[in-house]
Structures are given as structure tokens and as C-alpha cells.
Amino acid sequence: MDPQLVLDEVHRRAKRGLIEKNRSRKRLIGKLISIKKAQFRGVSPKLILSNFSKV
């Protein structure tokens, strides 16, 4: 195996891991924001959390 190819594969995997991590972080932040908005409107956060657990 060409060492450069191996390195590229390692970098690709690392980058993919980072992208996945960022994606899930954005999703979590989105959840928090929508919960805060709902609390602001006076909707029970439990309702929203139960909806998210179904997704």
C-alpha cells in the first residue's frame, strides 16, 4: 500500500467523524432552541421532548 493513500484514508475518516459530530451538535442545539422558544410561548417542554424521542 502507498503510505500516502493510507494517510488520505485516515484523514477522510477523521473528517467524516468531525462532520458527524458537528451534525449531531447542530441537531442538539436546534432541539434546545426549539425547547426554549416553546417555553417562551408557554408550551410544556415535556411535550416537545416526547416528540423528539420518537424521531
N, C-alpha and C. Protein backbone atom coordinates (compact mmCIF):
# COMPACT_ATOMS: atom_id res chain seq x y z
N MET A 1 0.85 -1.22 0.00
CA MET A 1 0.00 0.00 0.00
C MET A 1 0.87 1.25 0.00
N ASP A 2 0.42 2.21 -0.74
CA ASP A 2 1.11 3.51 -0.77
C ASP A 2 0.81 4.25 0.53
N PRO A 3 1.85 4.67 1.25
CA PRO A 3 1.61 5.36 2.54
C PRO A 3 0.74 6.60 2.39
N GLN A 4 0.83 7.26 1.25
CA GLN A 4 0.01 8.46 1.03
C GLN A 4 -1.48 8.09 1.00
N LEU A 5 -1.77 6.97 0.37
CA LEU A 5 -3.17 6.51 0.30
C LEU A 5 -3.69 6.20 1.70
N VAL A 6 -2.86 5.55 2.50
CA VAL A 6 -3.25 5.22 3.87
C VAL A 6 -3.53 6.50 4.64
N LEU A 7 -2.65 7.48 4.51
CA LEU A 7 -2.83 8.76 5.19
C LEU A 7 -4.12 9.43 4.76
N ASP A 8 -4.36 9.41 3.44
CA ASP A 8 -5.59 10.03 2.92
C ASP A 8 -6.82 9.39 3.54
N GLU A 9 -6.78 8.05 3.65
CA GLU A 9 -7.92 7.33 4.22
C GLU A 9 -8.12 7.72 5.68
N VAL A 10 -7.02 7.83 6.42
CA VAL A 10 -7.11 8.23 7.83
C VAL A 10 -7.71 9.63 7.94
N HIS A 11 -7.24 10.53 7.09
CA HIS A 11 -7.76 11.90 7.12
C HIS A 11 -9.24 11.93 6.77
N ARG A 12 -9.61 11.13 5.78
CA ARG A 12 -11.00 11.09 5.34
C ARG A 12 -11.89 10.62 6.50
N ARG A 13 -11.43 9.56 7.19
CA ARG A 13 -12.22 9.04 8.31
C ARG A 13 -12.34 10.07 9.42
N ALA A 14 -11.23 10.75 9.70
CA ALA A 14 -11.24 11.76 10.77
C ALA A 14 -12.20 12.88 10.41
N LYS A 15 -12.15 13.30 9.15
CA LYS A 15 -13.01 14.40 8.70
C LYS A 15 -14.47 13.97 8.80
N ARG A 16 -14.75 12.74 8.38
CA ARG A 16 -16.12 12.24 8.43
C ARG A 16 -16.62 12.23 9.87
N GLY A 17 -15.75 11.81 10.79
CA GLY A 17 -16.12 11.78 12.20
C GLY A 17 -16.46 13.17 12.71
N LEU A 18 -15.65 14.15 12.28
CA LEU A 18 -15.89 15.54 12.69
C LEU A 18 -17.22 16.03 12.15
N ILE A 19 -17.48 15.72 10.88
CA ILE A 19 -18.73 16.17 10.26
C ILE A 19 -19.92 15.58 11.01
N GLU A 20 -19.84 14.28 11.31
CA GLU A 20 -20.92 13.62 12.06
C GLU A 20 -21.12 14.30 13.41
N LYS A 21 -20.00 14.60 14.08
CA LYS A 21 -20.07 15.21 15.40
C LYS A 21 -20.75 16.57 15.31
N ASN A 22 -20.34 17.35 14.29
CA ASN A 22 -20.92 18.69 14.12
C ASN A 22 -22.41 18.59 13.81
N ARG A 23 -22.75 17.60 12.98
CA ARG A 23 -24.15 17.44 12.58
C ARG A 23 -25.00 17.16 13.81
N SER A 24 -24.54 16.24 14.66
CA SER A 24 -25.34 15.90 15.85
C SER A 24 -25.37 17.07 16.82
N ARG A 25 -24.27 17.87 16.85
CA ARG A 25 -24.25 19.02 17.75
C ARG A 25 -25.26 20.05 17.29
N LYS A 26 -25.32 20.27 15.97
CA LYS A 26 -26.29 21.23 15.44
C LYS A 26 -27.70 20.77 15.76
N ARG A 27 -27.92 19.46 15.64
CA ARG A 27 -29.25 18.92 15.93
C ARG A 27 -29.61 19.18 17.39
N LEU A 28 -28.65 18.94 18.28
CA LEU A 28 -28.89 19.16 19.71
C LEU A 28 -29.18 20.62 20.00
N ILE A 29 -28.40 21.51 19.37
CA ILE A 29 -28.60 22.95 19.58
C ILE A 29 -29.99 23.34 19.07
N GLY A 30 -30.37 22.78 17.93
CA GLY A 30 -31.69 23.05 17.37
C GLY A 30 -32.79 22.62 18.33
N LYS A 31 -32.59 21.46 18.96
CA LYS A 31 -33.55 20.98 19.95
C LYS A 31 -33.67 21.97 21.10
N LEU A 32 -32.51 22.39 21.62
CA LEU A 32 -32.51 23.32 22.75
C LEU A 32 -33.21 24.61 22.39
N ILE A 33 -32.92 25.13 21.20
CA ILE A 33 -33.53 26.39 20.78
C ILE A 33 -35.05 26.24 20.70
N SER A 34 -35.51 25.14 20.09
CA SER A 34 -36.96 24.98 19.95
C SER A 34 -37.61 24.79 21.31
N ILE A 35 -36.91 24.14 22.24
CA ILE A 35 -37.47 23.98 23.59
C ILE A 35 -37.57 25.34 24.27
N LYS A 36 -36.52 26.16 24.12
CA LYS A 36 -36.55 27.49 24.72
C LYS A 36 -37.67 28.33 24.13
N LYS A 37 -37.84 28.26 22.80
CA LYS A 37 -38.91 29.02 22.15
C LYS A 37 -40.26 28.57 22.68
N ALA A 38 -40.40 27.25 22.83
CA ALA A 38 -41.67 26.72 23.30
C ALA A 38 -41.95 27.16 24.74
N GLN A 39 -40.91 27.17 25.57
CA GLN A 39 -41.09 27.63 26.94
C GLN A 39 -41.51 29.09 26.94
N PHE A 40 -40.93 29.84 26.02
CA PHE A 40 -41.25 31.26 25.91
C PHE A 40 -42.72 31.43 25.57
N ARG A 41 -43.22 30.53 24.73
CA ARG A 41 -44.63 30.60 24.34
C ARG A 41 -45.53 30.02 25.42
N GLY A 42 -44.94 29.30 26.35
CA GLY A 42 -45.73 28.73 27.43
C GLY A 42 -46.17 27.30 27.15
N VAL A 43 -45.51 26.63 26.20
CA VAL A 43 -45.82 25.24 25.91
C VAL A 43 -44.96 24.37 26.82
N SER A 44 -45.52 23.27 27.29
CA SER A 44 -44.76 22.40 28.18
C SER A 44 -43.60 21.73 27.43
N PRO A 45 -42.38 21.83 27.96
CA PRO A 45 -41.23 21.21 27.29
C PRO A 45 -41.33 19.69 27.23
N LYS A 46 -42.11 19.09 28.13
CA LYS A 46 -42.25 17.63 28.12
C LYS A 46 -42.88 17.16 26.81
N LEU A 47 -43.83 17.94 26.30
CA LEU A 47 -44.47 17.59 25.04
C LEU A 47 -43.44 17.53 23.92
N ILE A 48 -42.57 18.52 23.88
CA ILE A 48 -41.57 18.60 22.82
C ILE A 48 -40.57 17.46 22.96
N LEU A 49 -40.14 17.20 24.18
CA LEU A 49 -39.16 16.13 24.40
C LEU A 49 -39.73 14.79 23.98
N SER A 50 -41.01 14.55 24.24
CA SER A 50 -41.59 13.27 23.85
C SER A 50 -41.67 13.18 22.33
N ASN A 51 -41.88 14.32 21.67
CA ASN A 51 -41.89 14.30 20.21
C ASN A 51 -40.51 14.00 19.66
N PHE A 52 -39.47 14.54 20.30
CA PHE A 52 -38.12 14.31 19.81
C PHE A 52 -37.69 12.86 20.00
N SER A 53 -38.14 12.24 21.07
CA SER A 53 -37.71 10.87 21.32
C SER A 53 -38.29 9.92 20.27
N LYS A 54 -39.37 10.33 19.61
CA LYS A 54 -39.95 9.50 18.55
C LYS A 54 -39.13 9.58 17.27
N VAL A 55 -38.46 10.69 17.06
CA VAL A 55 -37.71 10.91 15.81
C VAL A 55 -36.54 9.95 15.74
